Amino acid sequence: MSGVYIEVDQGDLKRVMKKLKDLEKAPNHLKNAINRTATQALKMIKAGRGQGYTIKAGRFNKDIKVQRANAAHLDATIKSHGKPPTLSGSFKTSYPKAGGKADITKSGLKKLVKSTGGAAFIPSGGKAAGLMAQRRGSSRFPIKVLYGNSVPKMVEKIWEGERGGQGDMEQKVKERLHEELMAEIAKIM
């Protein structure tokens, strides 16, 4: 399982605690700021999926969740899990007679051909199951089912800024958390 961990900067925490005379209310205000930041970060990751990958939104969204902060645990985690999905079951694919094509990263359909020349194809009964395969050697069997990137790997690449067109997200999320904390302070002052 992969995840994105969001925590409060210690300097911001000290400022909040200094400004809040009533320490009983501080955890709730921190929790609100953290949860709004986590929700915004999740939206950014989902937007990165749409800009960087062709995986179907429902398939992506079911494998990514937010563990929200509460007053006792002032941290939020965006968790992703799941195995690599089959190509034709989750990504944009095409099946011309010359061999299968797939587009995982919105870079256009690429012909799936092994270095030994074996093109991708739909095995018998595979279309209903969303399978695309290649032969392992020159003989008819065995065949290898083709898979795309797992959702945790996609989230990692979006977070690092390699996919999704948003750049490195860590600094943006830290800035957003700081803004949310200052907004919470402003509400109670």
N, C-alpha and C. Protein backbone atom coordinates (compact mmCIF):
# COMPACT_ATOMS: atom_id res chain seq x y z
N MET A 1 0.85 -1.16 0.00
CA MET A 1 0.00 0.00 0.00
C MET A 1 0.90 1.23 0.00
N SER A 2 0.51 2.20 -0.75
CA SER A 2 1.25 3.45 -0.84
C SER A 2 0.39 4.56 -0.28
N GLY A 3 1.01 5.62 0.19
CA GLY A 3 0.21 6.71 0.72
C GLY A 3 0.96 8.02 0.73
N VAL A 4 0.22 9.08 0.86
CA VAL A 4 0.75 10.42 0.98
C VAL A 4 0.43 10.88 2.39
N TYR A 5 1.42 11.30 3.13
CA TYR A 5 1.25 11.66 4.53
C TYR A 5 1.32 13.18 4.66
N ILE A 6 0.34 13.78 5.30
CA ILE A 6 0.28 15.23 5.49
C ILE A 6 0.31 15.51 6.98
N GLU A 7 1.26 16.33 7.42
CA GLU A 7 1.30 16.68 8.84
C GLU A 7 1.56 18.16 9.00
N VAL A 8 1.22 18.67 10.17
CA VAL A 8 1.37 20.09 10.47
C VAL A 8 2.83 20.43 10.71
N ASP A 9 3.28 21.53 10.11
CA ASP A 9 4.61 22.04 10.34
C ASP A 9 4.70 22.47 11.82
N GLN A 10 5.79 22.15 12.49
CA GLN A 10 5.91 22.45 13.91
C GLN A 10 5.87 23.96 14.19
N GLY A 11 6.39 24.77 13.29
CA GLY A 11 6.32 26.23 13.45
C GLY A 11 4.89 26.72 13.41
N ASP A 12 4.10 26.20 12.46
CA ASP A 12 2.68 26.55 12.39
C ASP A 12 1.95 26.09 13.65
N LEU A 13 2.28 24.91 14.13
CA LEU A 13 1.63 24.39 15.32
C LEU A 13 1.89 25.31 16.52
N LYS A 14 3.12 25.76 16.68
CA LYS A 14 3.45 26.67 17.79
C LYS A 14 2.70 27.99 17.67
N ARG A 15 2.60 28.53 16.43
CA ARG A 15 1.87 29.78 16.23
C ARG A 15 0.40 29.62 16.58
N VAL A 16 -0.18 28.50 16.15
CA VAL A 16 -1.59 28.24 16.45
C VAL A 16 -1.79 28.14 17.96
N MET A 17 -0.95 27.39 18.61
CA MET A 17 -1.09 27.19 20.05
C MET A 17 -0.90 28.52 20.81
N LYS A 18 0.00 29.36 20.33
CA LYS A 18 0.24 30.65 20.97
C LYS A 18 -0.98 31.56 20.81
N LYS A 19 -1.58 31.54 19.63
CA LYS A 19 -2.72 32.41 19.37
C LYS A 19 -4.00 31.89 20.02
N LEU A 20 -4.05 30.62 20.25
CA LEU A 20 -5.24 30.04 20.87
C LEU A 20 -5.01 29.92 22.38
N LYS A 21 -5.67 30.75 23.11
CA LYS A 21 -5.52 30.70 24.57
C LYS A 21 -6.21 29.46 25.13
N ASP A 22 -7.33 29.12 24.53
CA ASP A 22 -8.11 27.97 24.98
C ASP A 22 -7.63 26.72 24.24
N LEU A 23 -6.77 25.93 24.87
CA LEU A 23 -6.16 24.77 24.22
C LEU A 23 -7.16 23.67 23.89
N GLU A 24 -8.33 23.69 24.50
CA GLU A 24 -9.32 22.66 24.21
C GLU A 24 -9.85 22.80 22.78
N LYS A 25 -9.89 24.00 22.23
CA LYS A 25 -10.40 24.22 20.89
C LYS A 25 -9.34 24.00 19.82
N ALA A 26 -8.09 24.07 20.17
CA ALA A 26 -7.00 23.98 19.20
C ALA A 26 -7.04 22.70 18.36
N PRO A 27 -7.22 21.52 18.95
CA PRO A 27 -7.24 20.31 18.12
C PRO A 27 -8.34 20.30 17.06
N ASN A 28 -9.51 20.84 17.39
CA ASN A 28 -10.59 20.87 16.40
C ASN A 28 -10.26 21.80 15.23
N HIS A 29 -9.66 22.93 15.52
CA HIS A 29 -9.29 23.86 14.45
C HIS A 29 -8.17 23.27 13.59
N LEU A 30 -7.21 22.62 14.23
CA LEU A 30 -6.14 21.96 13.47
C LEU A 30 -6.71 20.84 12.59
N LYS A 31 -7.60 20.07 13.18
CA LYS A 31 -8.24 18.96 12.45
C LYS A 31 -8.95 19.49 11.21
N ASN A 32 -9.70 20.58 11.34
CA ASN A 32 -10.42 21.15 10.20
C ASN A 32 -9.46 21.58 9.10
N ALA A 33 -8.39 22.25 9.47
CA ALA A 33 -7.41 22.71 8.49
C ALA A 33 -6.74 21.53 7.78
N ILE A 34 -6.38 20.51 8.53
CA ILE A 34 -5.72 19.33 7.96
C ILE A 34 -6.68 18.61 7.01
N ASN A 35 -7.93 18.43 7.41
CA ASN A 35 -8.89 17.70 6.57
C ASN A 35 -9.21 18.46 5.29
N ARG A 36 -9.34 19.78 5.36
CA ARG A 36 -9.57 20.55 4.13
C ARG A 36 -8.36 20.45 3.20
N THR A 37 -7.17 20.46 3.77
CA THR A 37 -5.95 20.32 2.96
C THR A 37 -5.89 18.94 2.31
N ALA A 38 -6.22 17.91 3.06
CA ALA A 38 -6.20 16.55 2.52
C ALA A 38 -7.22 16.39 1.40
N THR A 39 -8.40 16.98 1.58
CA THR A 39 -9.42 16.92 0.54
C THR A 39 -8.95 17.62 -0.72
N GLN A 40 -8.31 18.77 -0.57
CA GLN A 40 -7.78 19.50 -1.72
C GLN A 40 -6.66 18.72 -2.40
N ALA A 41 -5.79 18.09 -1.61
CA ALA A 41 -4.71 17.28 -2.18
C ALA A 41 -5.28 16.11 -2.97
N LEU A 42 -6.33 15.48 -2.45
CA LEU A 42 -6.97 14.37 -3.17
C LEU A 42 -7.55 14.86 -4.49
N LYS A 43 -8.18 16.03 -4.48
CA LYS A 43 -8.71 16.59 -5.73
C LYS A 43 -7.58 16.84 -6.73
N MET A 44 -6.44 17.31 -6.26
CA MET A 44 -5.31 17.56 -7.15
C MET A 44 -4.79 16.25 -7.74
N ILE A 45 -4.74 15.21 -6.93
CA ILE A 45 -4.28 13.90 -7.42
C ILE A 45 -5.25 13.37 -8.47
N LYS A 46 -6.55 13.49 -8.21
CA LYS A 46 -7.54 13.02 -9.17
C LYS A 46 -7.49 13.83 -10.46
N ALA A 47 -7.23 15.13 -10.35
CA ALA A 47 -7.07 15.95 -11.55
C ALA A 47 -5.82 15.51 -12.32
N GLY A 48 -4.77 15.14 -11.60
CA GLY A 48 -3.55 14.64 -12.23
C GLY A 48 -3.79 13.34 -12.97
N ARG A 49 -4.69 12.52 -12.44
CA ARG A 49 -5.06 11.28 -13.15
C ARG A 49 -5.66 11.63 -14.49
N GLY A 50 -6.55 12.59 -14.51
CA GLY A 50 -7.21 12.97 -15.75
C GLY A 50 -6.27 13.59 -16.76
N GLN A 51 -5.23 14.28 -16.29
CA GLN A 51 -4.29 14.94 -17.18
C GLN A 51 -3.14 14.02 -17.61
N GLY A 52 -2.83 13.02 -16.78
CA GLY A 52 -1.65 12.21 -17.06
C GLY A 52 -1.89 10.78 -17.48
N TYR A 53 -3.05 10.21 -17.13
CA TYR A 53 -3.30 8.80 -17.40
C TYR A 53 -4.65 8.60 -18.07
N THR A 54 -4.79 7.51 -18.78
CA THR A 54 -6.06 7.20 -19.43
C THR A 54 -6.89 6.20 -18.64
N ILE A 55 -6.46 5.84 -17.44
CA ILE A 55 -7.22 4.90 -16.63
C ILE A 55 -8.60 5.49 -16.34
N LYS A 56 -9.59 4.64 -16.34
CA LYS A 56 -10.96 5.09 -16.09
C LYS A 56 -11.07 5.63 -14.66
N ALA A 57 -11.80 6.74 -14.51
CA ALA A 57 -11.90 7.43 -13.22
C ALA A 57 -12.42 6.51 -12.12
N GLY A 58 -13.45 5.73 -12.40
CA GLY A 58 -14.01 4.84 -11.39
C GLY A 58 -13.00 3.82 -10.90
N ARG A 59 -12.21 3.29 -11.80
CA ARG A 59 -11.18 2.30 -11.45
C ARG A 59 -10.11 2.94 -10.56
N PHE A 60 -9.73 4.17 -10.89
CA PHE A 60 -8.72 4.90 -10.12
C PHE A 60 -9.27 5.28 -8.75
N ASN A 61 -10.47 5.86 -8.73
CA ASN A 61 -11.04 6.39 -7.50
C ASN A 61 -11.33 5.32 -6.45
N LYS A 62 -11.65 4.10 -6.90
CA LYS A 62 -11.96 3.07 -5.90
C LYS A 62 -10.72 2.59 -5.15
N ASP A 63 -9.53 2.87 -5.69
CA ASP A 63 -8.30 2.44 -5.05
C ASP A 63 -7.58 3.55 -4.30
N ILE A 64 -8.23 4.70 -4.10
CA ILE A 64 -7.60 5.80 -3.38
C ILE A 64 -8.59 6.38 -2.37
N LYS A 65 -8.15 6.51 -1.14
CA LYS A 65 -9.01 6.97 -0.05
C LYS A 65 -8.24 7.94 0.85
N VAL A 66 -8.99 8.76 1.60
CA VAL A 66 -8.39 9.67 2.57
C VAL A 66 -8.72 9.18 3.96
N GLN A 67 -7.70 9.03 4.77
CA GLN A 67 -7.90 8.76 6.19
C GLN A 67 -7.83 10.13 6.86
N ARG A 68 -8.96 10.59 7.34
CA ARG A 68 -9.08 11.96 7.84
C ARG A 68 -8.54 12.10 9.26
N ALA A 69 -8.14 13.32 9.57
CA ALA A 69 -7.65 13.64 10.91
C ALA A 69 -8.83 13.73 11.87
N ASN A 70 -8.55 13.51 13.14
CA ASN A 70 -9.53 13.78 14.19
C ASN A 70 -8.81 14.49 15.33
N ALA A 71 -9.53 14.91 16.33
CA ALA A 71 -8.93 15.71 17.40
C ALA A 71 -7.83 14.95 18.14
N ALA A 72 -7.90 13.64 18.18
CA ALA A 72 -6.88 12.85 18.88
C ALA A 72 -5.67 12.56 17.99
N HIS A 73 -5.89 12.46 16.68
CA HIS A 73 -4.81 12.16 15.73
C HIS A 73 -4.81 13.24 14.66
N LEU A 74 -3.93 14.20 14.83
CA LEU A 74 -3.89 15.36 13.94
C LEU A 74 -3.01 15.10 12.72
N ASP A 75 -3.41 14.12 11.95
CA ASP A 75 -2.75 13.85 10.68
C ASP A 75 -3.76 13.24 9.72
N ALA A 76 -3.52 13.44 8.45
CA ALA A 76 -4.37 12.86 7.42
C ALA A 76 -3.46 12.12 6.44
N THR A 77 -3.97 11.04 5.91
CA THR A 77 -3.20 10.24 4.96
C THR A 77 -4.06 9.94 3.75
N ILE A 78 -3.48 10.13 2.58
CA ILE A 78 -4.14 9.71 1.34
C ILE A 78 -3.52 8.37 1.00
N LYS A 79 -4.36 7.33 1.06
CA LYS A 79 -3.87 5.96 0.85
C LYS A 79 -4.32 5.45 -0.51
N SER A 80 -3.42 4.77 -1.16
CA SER A 80 -3.79 4.11 -2.41
C SER A 80 -3.35 2.66 -2.32
N HIS A 81 -4.10 1.80 -2.96
CA HIS A 81 -3.81 0.36 -2.92
C HIS A 81 -4.27 -0.25 -4.23
N GLY A 82 -3.94 -1.46 -4.43
CA GLY A 82 -4.43 -2.18 -5.60
C GLY A 82 -3.31 -2.75 -6.44
N LYS A 83 -3.69 -3.76 -7.18
CA LYS A 83 -2.76 -4.43 -8.09
C LYS A 83 -2.79 -3.73 -9.45
N PRO A 84 -1.79 -3.96 -10.26
CA PRO A 84 -1.84 -3.39 -11.61
C PRO A 84 -3.05 -3.93 -12.38
N PRO A 85 -3.83 -3.03 -12.99
CA PRO A 85 -5.01 -3.48 -13.74
C PRO A 85 -4.64 -3.99 -15.13
N THR A 86 -5.49 -4.82 -15.70
CA THR A 86 -5.26 -5.28 -17.06
C THR A 86 -5.38 -4.10 -18.01
N LEU A 87 -4.65 -4.15 -19.11
CA LEU A 87 -4.64 -3.03 -20.04
C LEU A 87 -6.02 -2.71 -20.61
N SER A 88 -6.63 -3.69 -21.24
CA SER A 88 -7.88 -3.38 -21.93
C SER A 88 -9.06 -3.26 -20.98
N GLY A 89 -8.89 -3.64 -19.74
CA GLY A 89 -9.97 -3.50 -18.78
C GLY A 89 -10.04 -2.11 -18.16
N SER A 90 -8.93 -1.35 -18.19
CA SER A 90 -8.90 -0.08 -17.48
C SER A 90 -8.33 1.09 -18.28
N PHE A 91 -7.63 0.83 -19.36
CA PHE A 91 -6.97 1.89 -20.10
C PHE A 91 -7.51 1.98 -21.53
N LYS A 92 -7.12 3.03 -22.23
CA LYS A 92 -7.51 3.21 -23.62
C LYS A 92 -6.72 2.23 -24.48
N THR A 93 -7.42 1.39 -25.23
CA THR A 93 -6.77 0.38 -26.05
C THR A 93 -7.44 0.30 -27.42
N SER A 94 -6.73 -0.34 -28.35
CA SER A 94 -7.23 -0.57 -29.70
C SER A 94 -6.73 -1.94 -30.14
N TYR A 95 -7.53 -2.62 -30.98
CA TYR A 95 -7.18 -3.98 -31.39
C TYR A 95 -7.15 -4.14 -32.90
N PRO A 96 -6.29 -3.46 -33.60
CA PRO A 96 -6.23 -3.70 -35.06
C PRO A 96 -5.64 -5.08 -35.34
N LYS A 97 -5.84 -5.57 -36.56
CA LYS A 97 -5.35 -6.91 -36.91
C LYS A 97 -3.83 -7.01 -36.82
N ALA A 98 -3.14 -5.89 -36.98
CA ALA A 98 -1.67 -5.91 -36.94
C ALA A 98 -1.13 -6.03 -35.51
N GLY A 99 -1.97 -5.95 -34.51
CA GLY A 99 -1.53 -6.07 -33.12
C GLY A 99 -2.15 -5.01 -32.25
N GLY A 100 -2.28 -5.33 -30.96
CA GLY A 100 -2.92 -4.42 -30.02
C GLY A 100 -2.11 -3.17 -29.74
N LYS A 101 -2.83 -2.10 -29.41
CA LYS A 101 -2.22 -0.84 -29.04
C LYS A 101 -2.81 -0.41 -27.72
N ALA A 102 -2.01 0.33 -26.93
CA ALA A 102 -2.50 0.83 -25.64
C ALA A 102 -1.94 2.21 -25.36
N ASP A 103 -2.70 2.97 -24.60
CA ASP A 103 -2.27 4.29 -24.16
C ASP A 103 -2.52 4.36 -22.66
N ILE A 104 -1.46 4.32 -21.88
CA ILE A 104 -1.57 4.36 -20.43
C ILE A 104 -1.36 5.79 -19.92
N THR A 105 -0.43 6.52 -20.52
CA THR A 105 -0.02 7.82 -19.99
C THR A 105 -0.39 9.00 -20.87
N LYS A 106 -1.46 8.92 -21.61
CA LYS A 106 -1.94 10.00 -22.48
C LYS A 106 -0.85 10.51 -23.42
N SER A 107 -0.09 9.59 -23.95
CA SER A 107 0.95 9.96 -24.92
C SER A 107 0.61 9.40 -26.29
N GLY A 108 -0.60 8.93 -26.46
CA GLY A 108 -1.02 8.36 -27.74
C GLY A 108 -0.92 6.85 -27.72
N LEU A 109 -1.71 6.22 -28.57
CA LEU A 109 -1.69 4.75 -28.64
C LEU A 109 -0.34 4.27 -29.14
N LYS A 110 0.24 3.33 -28.44
CA LYS A 110 1.52 2.73 -28.81
C LYS A 110 1.30 1.27 -29.13
N LYS A 111 1.90 0.83 -30.22
CA LYS A 111 1.80 -0.57 -30.60
C LYS A 111 2.58 -1.41 -29.59
N LEU A 112 1.97 -2.47 -29.11
CA LEU A 112 2.60 -3.32 -28.10
C LEU A 112 3.27 -4.50 -28.80
N VAL A 113 4.57 -4.36 -28.99
CA VAL A 113 5.35 -5.39 -29.68
C VAL A 113 6.58 -5.69 -28.84
N LYS A 114 6.84 -6.98 -28.63
CA LYS A 114 8.03 -7.39 -27.90
C LYS A 114 9.25 -7.19 -28.79
N SER A 115 10.42 -7.20 -28.19
CA SER A 115 11.66 -7.05 -28.95
C SER A 115 11.85 -8.23 -29.92
N THR A 116 11.24 -9.37 -29.63
CA THR A 116 11.34 -10.52 -30.51
C THR A 116 10.29 -10.50 -31.61
N GLY A 117 9.45 -9.46 -31.62
CA GLY A 117 8.49 -9.30 -32.71
C GLY A 117 7.08 -9.73 -32.41
N GLY A 118 6.79 -10.28 -31.25
CA GLY A 118 5.44 -10.75 -30.94
C GLY A 118 4.52 -9.59 -30.60
N ALA A 119 3.45 -9.43 -31.37
CA ALA A 119 2.49 -8.35 -31.14
C ALA A 119 1.46 -8.76 -30.09
N ALA A 120 0.87 -7.77 -29.43
CA ALA A 120 -0.19 -8.03 -28.46
C ALA A 120 -1.47 -8.42 -29.18
N PHE A 121 -2.30 -9.22 -28.52
CA PHE A 121 -3.56 -9.67 -29.10
C PHE A 121 -4.56 -9.92 -27.99
N ILE A 122 -5.81 -10.12 -28.37
CA ILE A 122 -6.87 -10.46 -27.43
C ILE A 122 -7.02 -11.98 -27.45
N PRO A 123 -6.75 -12.65 -26.33
CA PRO A 123 -6.90 -14.11 -26.33
C PRO A 123 -8.37 -14.50 -26.44
N SER A 124 -8.61 -15.70 -26.83
CA SER A 124 -9.96 -16.22 -26.97
C SER A 124 -10.73 -16.02 -25.67
N GLY A 125 -11.86 -15.34 -25.73
CA GLY A 125 -12.65 -15.05 -24.54
C GLY A 125 -12.07 -13.93 -23.70
N GLY A 126 -11.01 -13.31 -24.14
CA GLY A 126 -10.34 -12.28 -23.35
C GLY A 126 -10.99 -10.92 -23.41
N LYS A 127 -11.73 -10.63 -24.49
CA LYS A 127 -12.33 -9.31 -24.61
C LYS A 127 -13.34 -9.07 -23.49
N ALA A 128 -14.14 -10.06 -23.18
CA ALA A 128 -15.12 -9.94 -22.10
C ALA A 128 -14.42 -9.77 -20.75
N ALA A 129 -13.28 -10.39 -20.58
CA ALA A 129 -12.54 -10.30 -19.32
C ALA A 129 -11.62 -9.09 -19.29
N GLY A 130 -11.52 -8.36 -20.39
CA GLY A 130 -10.65 -7.18 -20.45
C GLY A 130 -9.18 -7.54 -20.52
N LEU A 131 -8.86 -8.63 -21.21
CA LEU A 131 -7.48 -9.08 -21.27
C LEU A 131 -6.82 -8.77 -22.61
N MET A 132 -5.55 -8.46 -22.55
CA MET A 132 -4.70 -8.31 -23.72
C MET A 132 -3.45 -9.10 -23.37
N ALA A 133 -2.90 -9.83 -24.34
CA ALA A 133 -1.77 -10.72 -24.03
C ALA A 133 -0.73 -10.69 -25.13
N GLN A 134 0.41 -11.30 -24.82
CA GLN A 134 1.49 -11.52 -25.79
C GLN A 134 2.01 -12.93 -25.57
N ARG A 135 2.51 -13.52 -26.63
CA ARG A 135 3.14 -14.84 -26.50
C ARG A 135 4.51 -14.66 -25.86
N ARG A 136 4.88 -15.61 -25.01
CA ARG A 136 6.17 -15.53 -24.32
C ARG A 136 7.33 -15.91 -25.23
N GLY A 137 7.07 -16.76 -26.18
CA GLY A 137 8.12 -17.19 -27.10
C GLY A 137 7.54 -17.38 -28.48
N SER A 138 8.19 -18.19 -29.28
CA SER A 138 7.71 -18.40 -30.64
C SER A 138 6.57 -19.43 -30.69
N SER A 139 6.42 -20.24 -29.65
CA SER A 139 5.33 -21.22 -29.64
C SER A 139 4.00 -20.57 -29.25
N ARG A 140 2.93 -21.30 -29.46
CA ARG A 140 1.59 -20.78 -29.21
C ARG A 140 1.35 -20.47 -27.73
N PHE A 141 1.83 -21.33 -26.87
CA PHE A 141 1.68 -21.15 -25.43
C PHE A 141 3.04 -21.22 -24.77
N PRO A 142 3.30 -20.62 -23.67
CA PRO A 142 2.41 -19.86 -22.81
C PRO A 142 2.26 -18.40 -23.31
N ILE A 143 1.23 -17.74 -22.78
CA ILE A 143 1.03 -16.33 -23.09
C ILE A 143 1.14 -15.52 -21.80
N LYS A 144 1.41 -14.25 -21.96
CA LYS A 144 1.56 -13.35 -20.82
C LYS A 144 0.47 -12.27 -20.91
N VAL A 145 -0.33 -12.11 -19.86
CA VAL A 145 -1.35 -11.07 -19.81
C VAL A 145 -0.64 -9.74 -19.54
N LEU A 146 -1.05 -8.69 -20.24
CA LEU A 146 -0.41 -7.38 -20.10
C LEU A 146 -1.17 -6.50 -19.10
N TYR A 147 -0.42 -5.81 -18.27
CA TYR A 147 -0.98 -4.96 -17.23
C TYR A 147 -0.43 -3.54 -17.36
N GLY A 148 -1.20 -2.59 -16.82
CA GLY A 148 -0.75 -1.20 -16.75
C GLY A 148 -0.14 -0.91 -15.39
N ASN A 149 0.06 0.36 -15.10
CA ASN A 149 0.59 0.77 -13.80
C ASN A 149 -0.48 0.62 -12.72
N SER A 150 -0.04 0.30 -11.51
CA SER A 150 -0.98 0.23 -10.39
C SER A 150 -1.34 1.64 -9.94
N VAL A 151 -2.46 1.79 -9.26
CA VAL A 151 -2.88 3.10 -8.76
C VAL A 151 -1.85 3.68 -7.80
N PRO A 152 -1.25 2.90 -6.88
CA PRO A 152 -0.22 3.49 -6.02
C PRO A 152 0.95 4.07 -6.82
N LYS A 153 1.35 3.41 -7.89
CA LYS A 153 2.45 3.92 -8.72
C LYS A 153 2.02 5.20 -9.43
N MET A 154 0.78 5.25 -9.91
CA MET A 154 0.28 6.46 -10.56
C MET A 154 0.23 7.62 -9.57
N VAL A 155 -0.26 7.38 -8.35
CA VAL A 155 -0.32 8.42 -7.33
C VAL A 155 1.08 8.93 -7.02
N GLU A 156 2.02 8.02 -6.91
CA GLU A 156 3.42 8.40 -6.65
C GLU A 156 3.95 9.32 -7.75
N LYS A 157 3.70 8.96 -9.00
CA LYS A 157 4.19 9.76 -10.14
C LYS A 157 3.49 11.11 -10.21
N ILE A 158 2.21 11.16 -9.88
CA ILE A 158 1.49 12.44 -9.86
C ILE A 158 2.02 13.30 -8.73
N TRP A 159 2.23 12.72 -7.54
CA TRP A 159 2.73 13.45 -6.38
C TRP A 159 4.10 14.05 -6.66
N GLU A 160 4.96 13.27 -7.32
CA GLU A 160 6.32 13.73 -7.62
C GLU A 160 6.34 14.75 -8.77
N GLY A 161 5.24 14.86 -9.49
CA GLY A 161 5.18 15.82 -10.58
C GLY A 161 5.60 15.26 -11.93
N GLU A 162 5.86 13.96 -12.00
CA GLU A 162 6.27 13.36 -13.26
C GLU A 162 5.10 13.24 -14.23
N ARG A 163 3.91 13.06 -13.71
CA ARG A 163 2.69 12.96 -14.53
C ARG A 163 1.65 13.93 -13.99
N GLY A 164 0.70 14.30 -14.80
CA GLY A 164 -0.41 15.11 -14.33
C GLY A 164 -0.27 16.59 -14.57
N GLY A 165 0.89 17.07 -14.99
CA GLY A 165 1.08 18.46 -15.35
C GLY A 165 0.99 19.45 -14.21
N GLN A 166 1.07 19.02 -12.96
CA GLN A 166 0.95 19.94 -11.83
C GLN A 166 2.28 20.23 -11.16
N GLY A 167 3.31 19.54 -11.55
CA GLY A 167 4.59 19.69 -10.87
C GLY A 167 4.58 18.97 -9.53
N ASP A 168 5.66 19.13 -8.79
CA ASP A 168 5.80 18.50 -7.47
C ASP A 168 4.71 19.04 -6.55
N MET A 169 3.90 18.17 -5.99
CA MET A 169 2.76 18.59 -5.20
C MET A 169 3.08 18.86 -3.74
N GLU A 170 4.20 18.37 -3.24
CA GLU A 170 4.49 18.49 -1.81
C GLU A 170 4.49 19.94 -1.35
N GLN A 171 5.18 20.82 -2.05
CA GLN A 171 5.24 22.22 -1.64
C GLN A 171 3.86 22.88 -1.71
N LYS A 172 3.08 22.55 -2.74
CA LYS A 172 1.73 23.12 -2.88
C LYS A 172 0.84 22.71 -1.71
N VAL A 173 0.96 21.46 -1.29
CA VAL A 173 0.13 20.98 -0.18
C VAL A 173 0.57 21.63 1.13
N LYS A 174 1.88 21.81 1.32
CA LYS A 174 2.36 22.48 2.53
C LYS A 174 1.85 23.93 2.58
N GLU A 175 1.90 24.61 1.44
CA GLU A 175 1.40 25.99 1.39
C GLU A 175 -0.09 26.03 1.67
N ARG A 176 -0.83 25.09 1.12
CA ARG A 176 -2.27 25.03 1.34
C ARG A 176 -2.58 24.79 2.82
N LEU A 177 -1.82 23.91 3.46
CA LEU A 177 -2.02 23.65 4.88
C LEU A 177 -1.76 24.91 5.69
N HIS A 178 -0.72 25.64 5.37
CA HIS A 178 -0.41 26.89 6.06
C HIS A 178 -1.57 27.88 5.90
N GLU A 179 -2.10 28.01 4.68
CA GLU A 179 -3.23 28.91 4.43
C GLU A 179 -4.47 28.49 5.24
N GLU A 180 -4.72 27.20 5.28
CA GLU A 180 -5.88 26.70 6.03
C GLU A 180 -5.72 26.95 7.53
N LEU A 181 -4.51 26.79 8.04
CA LEU A 181 -4.27 27.06 9.46
C LEU A 181 -4.49 28.54 9.78
N MET A 182 -3.99 29.41 8.91
CA MET A 182 -4.18 30.84 9.12
C MET A 182 -5.67 31.22 9.03
N ALA A 183 -6.42 30.57 8.17
CA ALA A 183 -7.86 30.82 8.06
C ALA A 183 -8.57 30.39 9.34
N GLU A 184 -8.16 29.26 9.91
CA GLU A 184 -8.75 28.80 11.17
C GLU A 184 -8.45 29.77 12.31
N ILE A 185 -7.25 30.30 12.33
CA ILE A 185 -6.88 31.28 13.37
C ILE A 185 -7.73 32.53 13.20
N ALA A 186 -7.91 32.97 11.96
CA ALA A 186 -8.70 34.18 11.69
C ALA A 186 -10.15 34.00 12.13
N LYS A 187 -10.68 32.80 12.03
CA LYS A 187 -12.07 32.54 12.42
C LYS A 187 -12.30 32.77 13.91
N ILE A 188 -11.30 32.44 14.70
CA ILE A 188 -11.52 32.51 16.15
C ILE A 188 -10.97 33.78 16.78
N MET A 189 -10.29 34.61 16.01
CA MET A 189 -9.75 35.86 16.55
C MET A 189 -10.76 36.96 16.47
